[in-house]
Amino acid sequence: MKNKKKCVTAGIATVGAAFIVATQGIAQAAPTPQVSTLKAPSQIAIAADGEAASRALQTDWNPPAGYVFERAFMGDEASCRMEGDRGVTEGTWRQYVCHGKMVKVADAWVLHQYLYVKK
């Protein structure tokens, strides 16, 4: 009987320690980065004549409060961050957010970056 109690006590202590370690990892997680993740297109924009439009797809993403659209360009996240960092260093704006979106151009999907800044 004593062995069962020791096993149960040891098991509870192990589970408790595992829970504490797991919750510390969650509590110490890094804050969300400034760069938004790429979202999959949610719907295709169709022109009135039936052809697929070569404009941006509508998604449910909105820039954070206080940020305004600065520019859009084709390229990867690194290009957008480089442009955003340049504006911060020059003092043109204080902070920035990059948002990537897949856009259909002709028959191909390409990645567009949208730079939103806080002045």
PDB file of N, CA and C in Angstrom:
ATOM      1  N   MET A   1       0.813  -1.190   0.000  1.00  0.00           N
ATOM      2  CA  MET A   1       0.000   0.000   0.000  1.00  0.00           C
ATOM      3  C   MET A   1       0.865   1.266   0.000  1.00  0.00           C
ATOM      4  N   LYS A   2       1.975   1.233   0.763  1.00  0.00           N
ATOM      5  CA  LYS A   2       2.867   2.383   0.806  1.00  0.00           C
ATOM      6  C   LYS A   2       3.486   2.641  -0.557  1.00  0.00           C
ATOM      7  N   ASN A   3       3.799   1.567  -1.294  1.00  0.00           N
ATOM      8  CA  ASN A   3       4.386   1.729  -2.620  1.00  0.00           C
ATOM      9  C   ASN A   3       3.410   2.400  -3.577  1.00  0.00           C
ATOM     10  N   LYS A   4       2.113   2.059  -3.490  1.00  0.00           N
ATOM     11  CA  LYS A   4       1.106   2.684  -4.352  1.00  0.00           C
ATOM     12  C   LYS A   4       1.014   4.180  -4.058  1.00  0.00           C
ATOM     13  N   LYS A   5       1.035   4.534  -2.774  1.00  0.00           N
ATOM     14  CA  LYS A   5       0.957   5.944  -2.400  1.00  0.00           C
ATOM     15  C   LYS A   5       2.173   6.707  -2.919  1.00  0.00           C
ATOM     16  N   LYS A   6       3.356   6.097  -2.832  1.00  0.00           N
ATOM     17  CA  LYS A   6       4.571   6.738  -3.315  1.00  0.00           C
ATOM     18  C   LYS A   6       4.510   6.920  -4.830  1.00  0.00           C
ATOM     19  N   CYS A   7       4.009   5.903  -5.534  1.00  0.00           N
ATOM     20  CA  CYS A   7       3.899   5.991  -6.995  1.00  0.00           C
ATOM     21  C   CYS A   7       2.914   7.085  -7.393  1.00  0.00           C
ATOM     22  N   VAL A   8       1.772   7.149  -6.725  1.00  0.00           N
ATOM     23  CA  VAL A   8       0.763   8.168  -7.023  1.00  0.00           C
ATOM     24  C   VAL A   8       1.316   9.552  -6.730  1.00  0.00           C
ATOM     25  N   THR A   9       1.987   9.699  -5.596  1.00  0.00           N
ATOM     26  CA  THR A   9       2.564  10.990  -5.229  1.00  0.00           C
ATOM     27  C   THR A   9       3.623  11.418  -6.239  1.00  0.00           C
ATOM     28  N   ALA A  10       4.468  10.492  -6.640  1.00  0.00           N
ATOM     29  CA  ALA A  10       5.504  10.796  -7.629  1.00  0.00           C
ATOM     30  C   ALA A  10       4.874  11.164  -8.970  1.00  0.00           C
ATOM     31  N   GLY A  11       3.809  10.462  -9.356  1.00  0.00           N
ATOM     32  CA  GLY A  11       3.125  10.764 -10.615  1.00  0.00           C
ATOM     33  C   GLY A  11       2.502  12.147 -10.595  1.00  0.00           C
ATOM     34  N   ILE A  12       1.870  12.518  -9.485  1.00  0.00           N
ATOM     35  CA  ILE A  12       1.252  13.842  -9.369  1.00  0.00           C
ATOM     36  C   ILE A  12       2.324  14.925  -9.403  1.00  0.00           C
ATOM     37  N   ALA A  13       3.437  14.680  -8.724  1.00  0.00           N
ATOM     38  CA  ALA A  13       4.527  15.663  -8.726  1.00  0.00           C
ATOM     39  C   ALA A  13       5.093  15.836 -10.132  1.00  0.00           C
ATOM     40  N   THR A  14       5.218  14.747 -10.876  1.00  0.00           N
ATOM     41  CA  THR A  14       5.743  14.817 -12.243  1.00  0.00           C
ATOM     42  C   THR A  14       4.801  15.600 -13.145  1.00  0.00           C
ATOM     43  N   VAL A  15       3.511  15.320 -13.042  1.00  0.00           N
ATOM     44  CA  VAL A  15       2.519  16.037 -13.855  1.00  0.00           C
ATOM     45  C   VAL A  15       2.513  17.516 -13.495  1.00  0.00           C
ATOM     46  N   GLY A  16       2.586  17.815 -12.202  1.00  0.00           N
ATOM     47  CA  GLY A  16       2.612  19.214 -11.766  1.00  0.00           C
ATOM     48  C   GLY A  16       3.830  19.948 -12.289  1.00  0.00           C
ATOM     49  N   ALA A  17       4.998  19.296 -12.236  1.00  0.00           N
ATOM     50  CA  ALA A  17       6.225  19.914 -12.743  1.00  0.00           C
ATOM     51  C   ALA A  17       6.134  20.137 -14.249  1.00  0.00           C
ATOM     52  N   ALA A  18       5.575  19.174 -14.971  1.00  0.00           N
ATOM     53  CA  ALA A  18       5.430  19.316 -16.420  1.00  0.00           C
ATOM     54  C   ALA A  18       4.493  20.470 -16.757  1.00  0.00           C
ATOM     55  N   PHE A  19       3.426  20.614 -15.976  1.00  0.00           N
ATOM     56  CA  PHE A  19       2.482  21.707 -16.203  1.00  0.00           C
ATOM     57  C   PHE A  19       3.149  23.053 -15.976  1.00  0.00           C
ATOM     58  N   ILE A  20       3.947  23.172 -14.920  1.00  0.00           N
ATOM     59  CA  ILE A  20       4.632  24.432 -14.616  1.00  0.00           C
ATOM     60  C   ILE A  20       5.607  24.788 -15.727  1.00  0.00           C
ATOM     61  N   VAL A  21       6.359  23.824 -16.195  1.00  0.00           N
ATOM     62  CA  VAL A  21       7.318  24.071 -17.279  1.00  0.00           C
ATOM     63  C   VAL A  21       6.581  24.502 -18.538  1.00  0.00           C
ATOM     64  N   ALA A  22       5.470  23.843 -18.859  1.00  0.00           N
ATOM     65  CA  ALA A  22       4.713  24.175 -20.064  1.00  0.00           C
ATOM     66  C   ALA A  22       4.130  25.573 -19.980  1.00  0.00           C
ATOM     67  N   THR A  23       3.595  25.961 -18.837  1.00  0.00           N
ATOM     68  CA  THR A  23       2.999  27.292 -18.718  1.00  0.00           C
ATOM     69  C   THR A  23       4.050  28.386 -18.699  1.00  0.00           C
ATOM     70  N   GLN A  24       5.241  28.109 -18.206  1.00  0.00           N
ATOM     71  CA  GLN A  24       6.306  29.108 -18.249  1.00  0.00           C
ATOM     72  C   GLN A  24       6.705  29.382 -19.686  1.00  0.00           C
ATOM     73  N   GLY A  25       6.726  28.361 -20.513  1.00  0.00           N
ATOM     74  CA  GLY A  25       7.062  28.553 -21.924  1.00  0.00           C
ATOM     75  C   GLY A  25       6.048  29.434 -22.625  1.00  0.00           C
ATOM     76  N   ILE A  26       4.777  29.286 -22.250  1.00  0.00           N
ATOM     77  CA  ILE A  26       3.732  30.105 -22.860  1.00  0.00           C
ATOM     78  C   ILE A  26       3.850  31.546 -22.364  1.00  0.00           C
ATOM     79  N   ALA A  27       4.082  31.711 -21.081  1.00  0.00           N
ATOM     80  CA  ALA A  27       4.143  33.057 -20.509  1.00  0.00           C
ATOM     81  C   ALA A  27       5.354  33.827 -21.017  1.00  0.00           C
ATOM     82  N   GLN A  28       6.433  33.136 -21.372  1.00  0.00           N
ATOM     83  CA  GLN A  28       7.636  33.809 -21.811  1.00  0.00           C
ATOM     84  C   GLN A  28       7.734  33.907 -23.330  1.00  0.00           C
ATOM     85  N   ALA A  29       6.676  33.568 -24.035  1.00  0.00           N
ATOM     86  CA  ALA A  29       6.708  33.628 -25.492  1.00  0.00           C
ATOM     87  C   ALA A  29       6.929  35.067 -25.928  1.00  0.00           C
ATOM     88  N   ALA A  30       7.604  35.220 -27.042  1.00  0.00           N
ATOM     89  CA  ALA A  30       7.902  36.547 -27.567  1.00  0.00           C
ATOM     90  C   ALA A  30       6.623  37.229 -28.020  1.00  0.00           C
ATOM     91  N   PRO A  31       6.567  38.545 -27.949  1.00  0.00           N
ATOM     92  CA  PRO A  31       5.384  39.254 -28.436  1.00  0.00           C
ATOM     93  C   PRO A  31       5.253  39.081 -29.948  1.00  0.00           C
ATOM     94  N   THR A  32       4.066  39.325 -30.446  1.00  0.00           N
ATOM     95  CA  THR A  32       3.844  39.141 -31.872  1.00  0.00           C
ATOM     96  C   THR A  32       4.730  40.084 -32.662  1.00  0.00           C
ATOM     97  N   PRO A  33       5.324  39.598 -33.739  1.00  0.00           N
ATOM     98  CA  PRO A  33       6.218  40.443 -34.531  1.00  0.00           C
ATOM     99  C   PRO A  33       5.438  41.512 -35.285  1.00  0.00           C
ATOM    100  N   GLN A  34       6.151  42.527 -35.779  1.00  0.00           N
ATOM    101  CA  GLN A  34       5.525  43.596 -36.533  1.00  0.00           C
ATOM    102  C   GLN A  34       5.051  43.116 -37.894  1.00  0.00           C
ATOM    103  N   VAL A  35       5.640  42.064 -38.396  1.00  0.00           N
ATOM    104  CA  VAL A  35       5.333  41.612 -39.744  1.00  0.00           C
ATOM    105  C   VAL A  35       4.182  40.624 -39.713  1.00  0.00           C
ATOM    106  N   SER A  36       3.194  40.883 -40.516  1.00  0.00           N
ATOM    107  CA  SER A  36       2.031  40.004 -40.579  1.00  0.00           C
ATOM    108  C   SER A  36       2.348  38.782 -41.427  1.00  0.00           C
ATOM    109  N   THR A  37       1.709  37.673 -41.114  1.00  0.00           N
ATOM    110  CA  THR A  37       1.919  36.474 -41.891  1.00  0.00           C
ATOM    111  C   THR A  37       1.092  36.509 -43.157  1.00  0.00           C
ATOM    112  N   LEU A  38       1.525  35.761 -44.130  1.00  0.00           N
ATOM    113  CA  LEU A  38       0.830  35.691 -45.412  1.00  0.00           C
ATOM    114  C   LEU A  38      -0.446  34.894 -45.259  1.00  0.00           C
ATOM    115  N   LYS A  39      -1.544  35.431 -45.744  1.00  0.00           N
ATOM    116  CA  LYS A  39      -2.820  34.740 -45.659  1.00  0.00           C
ATOM    117  C   LYS A  39      -3.194  34.209 -47.037  1.00  0.00           C
ATOM    118  N   ALA A  40      -3.842  33.087 -47.032  1.00  0.00           N
ATOM    119  CA  ALA A  40      -4.318  32.511 -48.281  1.00  0.00           C
ATOM    120  C   ALA A  40      -5.498  33.326 -48.797  1.00  0.00           C
ATOM    121  N   PRO A  41      -5.666  33.408 -50.118  1.00  0.00           N
ATOM    122  CA  PRO A  41      -6.784  34.170 -50.651  1.00  0.00           C
ATOM    123  C   PRO A  41      -8.112  33.562 -50.227  1.00  0.00           C
ATOM    124  N   SER A  42      -9.067  34.413 -49.852  1.00  0.00           N
ATOM    125  CA  SER A  42     -10.342  33.905 -49.395  1.00  0.00           C
ATOM    126  C   SER A  42     -11.401  33.912 -50.491  1.00  0.00           C
ATOM    127  N   GLN A  43     -11.241  34.754 -51.488  1.00  0.00           N
ATOM    128  CA  GLN A  43     -12.169  34.745 -52.608  1.00  0.00           C
ATOM    129  C   GLN A  43     -11.490  35.357 -53.816  1.00  0.00           C
ATOM    130  N   ILE A  44     -11.980  35.039 -55.006  1.00  0.00           N
ATOM    131  CA  ILE A  44     -11.399  35.544 -56.242  1.00  0.00           C
ATOM    132  C   ILE A  44     -12.269  36.681 -56.749  1.00  0.00           C
ATOM    133  N   ALA A  45     -11.641  37.792 -57.080  1.00  0.00           N
ATOM    134  CA  ALA A  45     -12.380  38.918 -57.627  1.00  0.00           C
ATOM    135  C   ALA A  45     -12.625  38.659 -59.113  1.00  0.00           C
ATOM    136  N   ILE A  46     -13.860  38.744 -59.544  1.00  0.00           N
ATOM    137  CA  ILE A  46     -14.222  38.492 -60.933  1.00  0.00           C
ATOM    138  C   ILE A  46     -14.750  39.777 -61.544  1.00  0.00           C
ATOM    139  N   ALA A  47     -14.228  40.130 -62.703  1.00  0.00           N
ATOM    140  CA  ALA A  47     -14.687  41.327 -63.399  1.00  0.00           C
ATOM    141  C   ALA A  47     -16.089  41.102 -63.939  1.00  0.00           C
ATOM    142  N   ALA A  48     -16.777  42.195 -64.299  1.00  0.00           N
ATOM    143  CA  ALA A  48     -18.154  42.109 -64.763  1.00  0.00           C
ATOM    144  C   ALA A  48     -18.275  41.280 -66.047  1.00  0.00           C
ATOM    145  N   ASP A  49     -17.237  41.305 -66.898  1.00  0.00           N
ATOM    146  CA  ASP A  49     -17.308  40.553 -68.143  1.00  0.00           C
ATOM    147  C   ASP A  49     -16.917  39.094 -67.970  1.00  0.00           C
ATOM    148  N   GLY A  50     -16.629  38.644 -66.749  1.00  0.00           N
ATOM    149  CA  GLY A  50     -16.362  37.239 -66.485  1.00  0.00           C
ATOM    150  C   GLY A  50     -14.894  36.878 -66.409  1.00  0.00           C
ATOM    151  N   GLU A  51     -13.993  37.779 -66.786  1.00  0.00           N
ATOM    152  CA  GLU A  51     -12.564  37.483 -66.720  1.00  0.00           C
ATOM    153  C   GLU A  51     -12.062  37.704 -65.296  1.00  0.00           C
ATOM    154  N   ALA A  52     -11.062  36.945 -64.926  1.00  0.00           N
ATOM    155  CA  ALA A  52     -10.478  37.117 -63.590  1.00  0.00           C
ATOM    156  C   ALA A  52      -9.763  38.457 -63.540  1.00  0.00           C
ATOM    157  N   ALA A  53     -10.058  39.223 -62.557  1.00  0.00           N
ATOM    158  CA  ALA A  53      -9.433  40.546 -62.420  1.00  0.00           C
ATOM    159  C   ALA A  53      -8.024  40.395 -61.891  1.00  0.00           C
ATOM    160  N   SER A  54      -7.155  41.316 -62.301  1.00  0.00           N
ATOM    161  CA  SER A  54      -5.771  41.266 -61.832  1.00  0.00           C
ATOM    162  C   SER A  54      -5.571  42.250 -60.689  1.00  0.00           C
ATOM    163  N   ARG A  55      -6.546  42.326 -59.815  1.00  0.00           N
ATOM    164  CA  ARG A  55      -6.422  43.196 -58.659  1.00  0.00           C
ATOM    165  C   ARG A  55      -6.336  42.358 -57.381  1.00  0.00           C
ATOM    166  N   ALA A  56      -6.045  43.000 -56.298  1.00  0.00           N
ATOM    167  CA  ALA A  56      -5.839  42.292 -55.032  1.00  0.00           C
ATOM    168  C   ALA A  56      -7.112  41.571 -54.600  1.00  0.00           C
ATOM    169  N   LEU A  57      -6.921  40.423 -53.987  1.00  0.00           N
ATOM    170  CA  LEU A  57      -8.038  39.671 -53.437  1.00  0.00           C
ATOM    171  C   LEU A  57      -8.447  40.266 -52.105  1.00  0.00           C
ATOM    172  N   GLN A  58      -9.717  40.159 -51.795  1.00  0.00           N
ATOM    173  CA  GLN A  58     -10.187  40.714 -50.541  1.00  0.00           C
ATOM    174  C   GLN A  58      -9.957  39.702 -49.420  1.00  0.00           C
ATOM    175  N   THR A  59      -9.396  40.170 -48.339  1.00  0.00           N
ATOM    176  CA  THR A  59      -9.185  39.338 -47.159  1.00  0.00           C
ATOM    177  C   THR A  59      -9.730  40.083 -45.949  1.00  0.00           C
ATOM    178  N   ASP A  60      -9.659  39.463 -44.814  1.00  0.00           N
ATOM    179  CA  ASP A  60     -10.191  40.072 -43.602  1.00  0.00           C
ATOM    180  C   ASP A  60      -9.123  40.803 -42.793  1.00  0.00           C
ATOM    181  N   TRP A  61      -7.959  41.088 -43.368  1.00  0.00           N
ATOM    182  CA  TRP A  61      -6.880  41.742 -42.642  1.00  0.00           C
ATOM    183  C   TRP A  61      -7.047  43.252 -42.693  1.00  0.00           C
ATOM    184  N   ASN A  62      -6.829  43.912 -41.581  1.00  0.00           N
ATOM    185  CA  ASN A  62      -6.849  45.369 -41.490  1.00  0.00           C
ATOM    186  C   ASN A  62      -5.584  45.815 -40.797  1.00  0.00           C
ATOM    187  N   PRO A  63      -5.030  46.963 -41.189  1.00  0.00           N
ATOM    188  CA  PRO A  63      -3.832  47.453 -40.502  1.00  0.00           C
ATOM    189  C   PRO A  63      -4.174  47.866 -39.075  1.00  0.00           C
ATOM    190  N   PRO A  64      -3.187  47.863 -38.196  1.00  0.00           N
ATOM    191  CA  PRO A  64      -3.426  48.288 -36.812  1.00  0.00           C
ATOM    192  C   PRO A  64      -3.863  49.760 -36.762  1.00  0.00           C
ATOM    193  N   ALA A  65      -4.508  50.138 -35.697  1.00  0.00           N
ATOM    194  CA  ALA A  65      -4.977  51.521 -35.531  1.00  0.00           C
ATOM    195  C   ALA A  65      -3.793  52.479 -35.560  1.00  0.00           C
ATOM    196  N   GLY A  66      -3.949  53.568 -36.290  1.00  0.00           N
ATOM    197  CA  GLY A  66      -2.901  54.581 -36.364  1.00  0.00           C
ATOM    198  C   GLY A  66      -1.929  54.394 -37.515  1.00  0.00           C
ATOM    199  N   TYR A  67      -2.016  53.287 -38.233  1.00  0.00           N
ATOM    200  CA  TYR A  67      -1.116  53.029 -39.353  1.00  0.00           C
ATOM    201  C   TYR A  67      -1.809  53.399 -40.658  1.00  0.00           C
ATOM    202  N   VAL A  68      -1.069  54.019 -41.571  1.00  0.00           N
ATOM    203  CA  VAL A  68      -1.620  54.405 -42.869  1.00  0.00           C
ATOM    204  C   VAL A  68      -0.841  53.710 -43.983  1.00  0.00           C
ATOM    205  N   PHE A  69      -1.509  53.505 -45.101  1.00  0.00           N
ATOM    206  CA  PHE A  69      -0.887  52.851 -46.248  1.00  0.00           C
ATOM    207  C   PHE A  69       0.188  53.764 -46.820  1.00  0.00           C
ATOM    208  N   GLU A  70       1.387  53.217 -47.032  1.00  0.00           N
ATOM    209  CA  GLU A  70       2.486  53.991 -47.604  1.00  0.00           C
ATOM    210  C   GLU A  70       2.725  53.607 -49.065  1.00  0.00           C
ATOM    211  N   ARG A  71       2.911  52.312 -49.318  1.00  0.00           N
ATOM    212  CA  ARG A  71       3.121  51.869 -50.695  1.00  0.00           C
ATOM    213  C   ARG A  71       2.991  50.360 -50.794  1.00  0.00           C
ATOM    214  N   ALA A  72       2.802  49.896 -52.027  1.00  0.00           N
ATOM    215  CA  ALA A  72       2.718  48.464 -52.309  1.00  0.00           C
ATOM    216  C   ALA A  72       3.742  48.140 -53.385  1.00  0.00           C
ATOM    217  N   PHE A  73       4.304  46.945 -53.293  1.00  0.00           N
ATOM    218  CA  PHE A  73       5.274  46.527 -54.300  1.00  0.00           C
ATOM    219  C   PHE A  73       5.374  45.023 -54.320  1.00  0.00           C
ATOM    220  N   MET A  74       5.858  44.492 -55.443  1.00  0.00           N
ATOM    221  CA  MET A  74       6.085  43.054 -55.529  1.00  0.00           C
ATOM    222  C   MET A  74       7.419  42.764 -54.865  1.00  0.00           C
ATOM    223  N   GLY A  75       7.457  41.698 -54.114  1.00  0.00           N
ATOM    224  CA  GLY A  75       8.693  41.331 -53.460  1.00  0.00           C
ATOM    225  C   GLY A  75       8.428  40.506 -52.221  1.00  0.00           C
ATOM    226  N   ASP A  76       9.510  40.135 -51.575  1.00  0.00           N
ATOM    227  CA  ASP A  76       9.373  39.305 -50.385  1.00  0.00           C
ATOM    228  C   ASP A  76       9.341  40.178 -49.137  1.00  0.00           C
ATOM    229  N   GLU A  77       9.200  39.521 -48.007  1.00  0.00           N
ATOM    230  CA  GLU A  77       9.104  40.211 -46.725  1.00  0.00           C
ATOM    231  C   GLU A  77      10.370  41.002 -46.410  1.00  0.00           C
ATOM    232  N   ALA A  78      11.515  40.479 -46.806  1.00  0.00           N
ATOM    233  CA  ALA A  78      12.782  41.160 -46.526  1.00  0.00           C
ATOM    234  C   ALA A  78      12.840  42.517 -47.231  1.00  0.00           C
ATOM    235  N   SER A  79      12.316  42.588 -48.449  1.00  0.00           N
ATOM    236  CA  SER A  79      12.300  43.859 -49.187  1.00  0.00           C
ATOM    237  C   SER A  79      11.438  44.888 -48.466  1.00  0.00           C
ATOM    238  N   CYS A  80      10.297  44.451 -47.987  1.00  0.00           N
ATOM    239  CA  CYS A  80       9.399  45.354 -47.273  1.00  0.00           C
ATOM    240  C   CYS A  80      10.036  45.832 -45.972  1.00  0.00           C
ATOM    241  N   ARG A  81      10.653  44.930 -45.256  1.00  0.00           N
ATOM    242  CA  ARG A  81      11.309  45.310 -44.000  1.00  0.00           C
ATOM    243  C   ARG A  81      12.458  46.280 -44.251  1.00  0.00           C
ATOM    244  N   MET A  82      13.199  46.074 -45.335  1.00  0.00           N
ATOM    245  CA  MET A  82      14.306  46.967 -45.665  1.00  0.00           C
ATOM    246  C   MET A  82      13.766  48.378 -45.945  1.00  0.00           C
ATOM    247  N   GLU A  83      12.665  48.457 -46.674  1.00  0.00           N
ATOM    248  CA  GLU A  83      12.038  49.748 -46.960  1.00  0.00           C
ATOM    249  C   GLU A  83      11.516  50.394 -45.680  1.00  0.00           C
ATOM    250  N   GLY A  84      10.890  49.593 -44.822  1.00  0.00           N
ATOM    251  CA  GLY A  84      10.384  50.108 -43.552  1.00  0.00           C
ATOM    252  C   GLY A  84      11.497  50.604 -42.646  1.00  0.00           C
ATOM    253  N   ASP A  85      12.581  49.839 -42.555  1.00  0.00           N
ATOM    254  CA  ASP A  85      13.727  50.250 -41.732  1.00  0.00           C
ATOM    255  C   ASP A  85      14.354  51.544 -42.256  1.00  0.00           C
ATOM    256  N   ARG A  86      14.408  51.668 -43.576  1.00  0.00           N
ATOM    257  CA  ARG A  86      14.977  52.872 -44.182  1.00  0.00           C
ATOM    258  C   ARG A  86      14.173  54.108 -43.767  1.00  0.00           C
ATOM    259  N   GLY A  87      12.845  54.003 -43.798  1.00  0.00           N
ATOM    260  CA  GLY A  87      11.999  55.124 -43.397  1.00  0.00           C
ATOM    261  C   GLY A  87      12.146  55.480 -41.926  1.00  0.00           C
ATOM    262  N   VAL A  88      12.329  54.460 -41.079  1.00  0.00           N
ATOM    263  CA  VAL A  88      12.529  54.713 -39.647  1.00  0.00           C
ATOM    264  C   VAL A  88      13.861  55.419 -39.431  1.00  0.00           C
ATOM    265  N   THR A  89      14.911  54.965 -40.116  1.00  0.00           N
ATOM    266  CA  THR A  89      16.237  55.575 -39.947  1.00  0.00           C
ATOM    267  C   THR A  89      16.253  57.013 -40.445  1.00  0.00           C
ATOM    268  N   GLU A  90      15.546  57.262 -41.546  1.00  0.00           N
ATOM    269  CA  GLU A  90      15.500  58.624 -42.085  1.00  0.00           C
ATOM    270  C   GLU A  90      14.564  59.528 -41.283  1.00  0.00           C
ATOM    271  N   GLY A  91      13.752  58.958 -40.414  1.00  0.00           N
ATOM    272  CA  GLY A  91      12.828  59.749 -39.618  1.00  0.00           C
ATOM    273  C   GLY A  91      11.525  60.074 -40.333  1.00  0.00           C
ATOM    274  N   THR A  92      11.275  59.407 -41.456  1.00  0.00           N
ATOM    275  CA  THR A  92      10.037  59.641 -42.211  1.00  0.00           C
ATOM    276  C   THR A  92       8.824  59.120 -41.449  1.00  0.00           C
ATOM    277  N   TRP A  93       8.971  57.991 -40.755  1.00  0.00           N
ATOM    278  CA  TRP A  93       7.926  57.437 -39.899  1.00  0.00           C
ATOM    279  C   TRP A  93       8.566  56.772 -38.695  1.00  0.00           C
ATOM    280  N   ARG A  94       7.734  56.501 -37.680  1.00  0.00           N
ATOM    281  CA  ARG A  94       8.261  55.936 -36.431  1.00  0.00           C
ATOM    282  C   ARG A  94       8.246  54.417 -36.423  1.00  0.00           C
ATOM    283  N   GLN A  95       7.175  53.820 -36.936  1.00  0.00           N
ATOM    284  CA  GLN A  95       7.032  52.371 -36.959  1.00  0.00           C
ATOM    285  C   GLN A  95       6.405  51.961 -38.285  1.00  0.00           C
ATOM    286  N   TYR A  96       6.480  50.656 -38.576  1.00  0.00           N
ATOM    287  CA  TYR A  96       5.879  50.163 -39.804  1.00  0.00           C
ATOM    288  C   TYR A  96       5.397  48.735 -39.616  1.00  0.00           C
ATOM    289  N   VAL A  97       4.505  48.325 -40.514  1.00  0.00           N
ATOM    290  CA  VAL A  97       4.008  46.957 -40.549  1.00  0.00           C
ATOM    291  C   VAL A  97       3.987  46.534 -42.009  1.00  0.00           C
ATOM    292  N   CYS A  98       4.504  45.350 -42.285  1.00  0.00           N
ATOM    293  CA  CYS A  98       4.447  44.788 -43.637  1.00  0.00           C
ATOM    294  C   CYS A  98       3.356  43.729 -43.675  1.00  0.00           C
ATOM    295  N   HIS A  99       2.604  43.744 -44.743  1.00  0.00           N
ATOM    296  CA  HIS A  99       1.552  42.738 -44.919  1.00  0.00           C
ATOM    297  C   HIS A  99       1.685  42.147 -46.312  1.00  0.00           C
ATOM    298  N   GLY A 100       1.845  40.847 -46.387  1.00  0.00           N
ATOM    299  CA  GLY A 100       1.960  40.165 -47.670  1.00  0.00           C
ATOM    300  C   GLY A 100       0.623  39.609 -48.119  1.00  0.00           C
ATOM    301  N   LYS A 101       0.360  39.702 -49.405  1.00  0.00           N
ATOM    302  CA  LYS A 101      -0.892  39.192 -49.938  1.00  0.00           C
ATOM    303  C   LYS A 101      -0.629  38.623 -51.339  1.00  0.00           C
ATOM    304  N   MET A 102      -1.225  37.470 -51.620  1.00  0.00           N
ATOM    305  CA  MET A 102      -1.113  36.880 -52.949  1.00  0.00           C
ATOM    306  C   MET A 102      -2.095  37.591 -53.879  1.00  0.00           C
ATOM    307  N   VAL A 103      -1.595  38.030 -55.025  1.00  0.00           N
ATOM    308  CA  VAL A 103      -2.398  38.757 -56.003  1.00  0.00           C
ATOM    309  C   VAL A 103      -2.263  38.057 -57.347  1.00  0.00           C
ATOM    310  N   LYS A 104      -3.385  37.925 -58.054  1.00  0.00           N
ATOM    311  CA  LYS A 104      -3.354  37.280 -59.360  1.00  0.00           C
ATOM    312  C   LYS A 104      -3.084  38.328 -60.431  1.00  0.00           C
ATOM    313  N   VAL A 105      -1.975  38.140 -61.137  1.00  0.00           N
ATOM    314  CA  VAL A 105      -1.608  39.014 -62.240  1.00  0.00           C
ATOM    315  C   VAL A 105      -1.578  38.145 -63.485  1.00  0.00           C
ATOM    316  N   ALA A 106      -2.461  38.454 -64.430  1.00  0.00           N
ATOM    317  CA  ALA A 106      -2.651  37.620 -65.620  1.00  0.00           C
ATOM    318  C   ALA A 106      -3.048  36.221 -65.166  1.00  0.00           C
ATOM    319  N   ASP A 107      -2.221  35.211 -65.417  1.00  0.00           N
ATOM    320  CA  ASP A 107      -2.546  33.844 -65.019  1.00  0.00           C
ATOM    321  C   ASP A 107      -1.676  33.338 -63.876  1.00  0.00           C
ATOM    322  N   ALA A 108      -0.906  34.224 -63.294  1.00  0.00           N
ATOM    323  CA  ALA A 108       0.020  33.786 -62.243  1.00  0.00           C
ATOM    324  C   ALA A 108      -0.272  34.510 -60.939  1.00  0.00           C
ATOM    325  N   TRP A 109      -0.042  33.811 -59.827  1.00  0.00           N
ATOM    326  CA  TRP A 109      -0.163  34.403 -58.499  1.00  0.00           C
ATOM    327  C   TRP A 109       1.204  34.910 -58.078  1.00  0.00           C
ATOM    328  N   VAL A 110       1.252  36.163 -57.635  1.00  0.00           N
ATOM    329  CA  VAL A 110       2.511  36.745 -57.163  1.00  0.00           C
ATOM    330  C   VAL A 110       2.295  37.348 -55.782  1.00  0.00           C
ATOM    331  N   LEU A 111       3.375  37.462 -55.052  1.00  0.00           N
ATOM    332  CA  LEU A 111       3.318  38.012 -53.695  1.00  0.00           C
ATOM    333  C   LEU A 111       3.521  39.518 -53.754  1.00  0.00           C
ATOM    334  N   HIS A 112       2.556  40.253 -53.233  1.00  0.00           N
ATOM    335  CA  HIS A 112       2.647  41.703 -53.104  1.00  0.00           C
ATOM    336  C   HIS A 112       2.850  42.033 -51.638  1.00  0.00           C
ATOM    337  N   GLN A 113       3.663  43.011 -51.376  1.00  0.00           N
ATOM    338  CA  GLN A 113       3.878  43.495 -50.016  1.00  0.00           C
ATOM    339  C   GLN A 113       3.233  44.864 -49.879  1.00  0.00           C
ATOM    340  N   TYR A 114       2.548  45.068 -48.787  1.00  0.00           N
ATOM    341  CA  TYR A 114       1.914  46.345 -48.493  1.00  0.00           C
ATOM    342  C   TYR A 114       2.556  46.911 -47.233  1.00  0.00           C
ATOM    343  N   LEU A 115       3.080  48.127 -47.350  1.00  0.00           N
ATOM    344  CA  LEU A 115       3.778  48.784 -46.251  1.00  0.00           C
ATOM    345  C   LEU A 115       2.848  49.808 -45.614  1.00  0.00           C
ATOM    346  N   TYR A 116       2.563  49.615 -44.327  1.00  0.00           N
ATOM    347  CA  TYR A 116       1.758  50.549 -43.555  1.00  0.00           C
ATOM    348  C   TYR A 116       2.671  51.182 -42.514  1.00  0.00           C
ATOM    349  N   VAL A 117       2.576  52.503 -42.362  1.00  0.00           N
ATOM    350  CA  VAL A 117       3.484  53.212 -41.472  1.00  0.00           C
ATOM    351  C   VAL A 117       2.713  54.010 -40.426  1.00  0.00           C
ATOM    352  N   LYS A 118       3.389  54.272 -39.330  1.00  0.00           N
ATOM    353  CA  LYS A 118       2.853  55.128 -38.266  1.00  0.00           C
ATOM    354  C   LYS A 118       3.766  56.341 -38.191  1.00  0.00           C
ATOM    355  N   LYS A 119       3.221  57.501 -38.538  1.00  0.00           N
ATOM    356  CA  LYS A 119       4.057  58.717 -38.608  1.00  0.00           C
ATOM    357  C   LYS A 119       4.130  59.446 -37.294  1.00  0.00           C
TER     358      LYS A 119
END
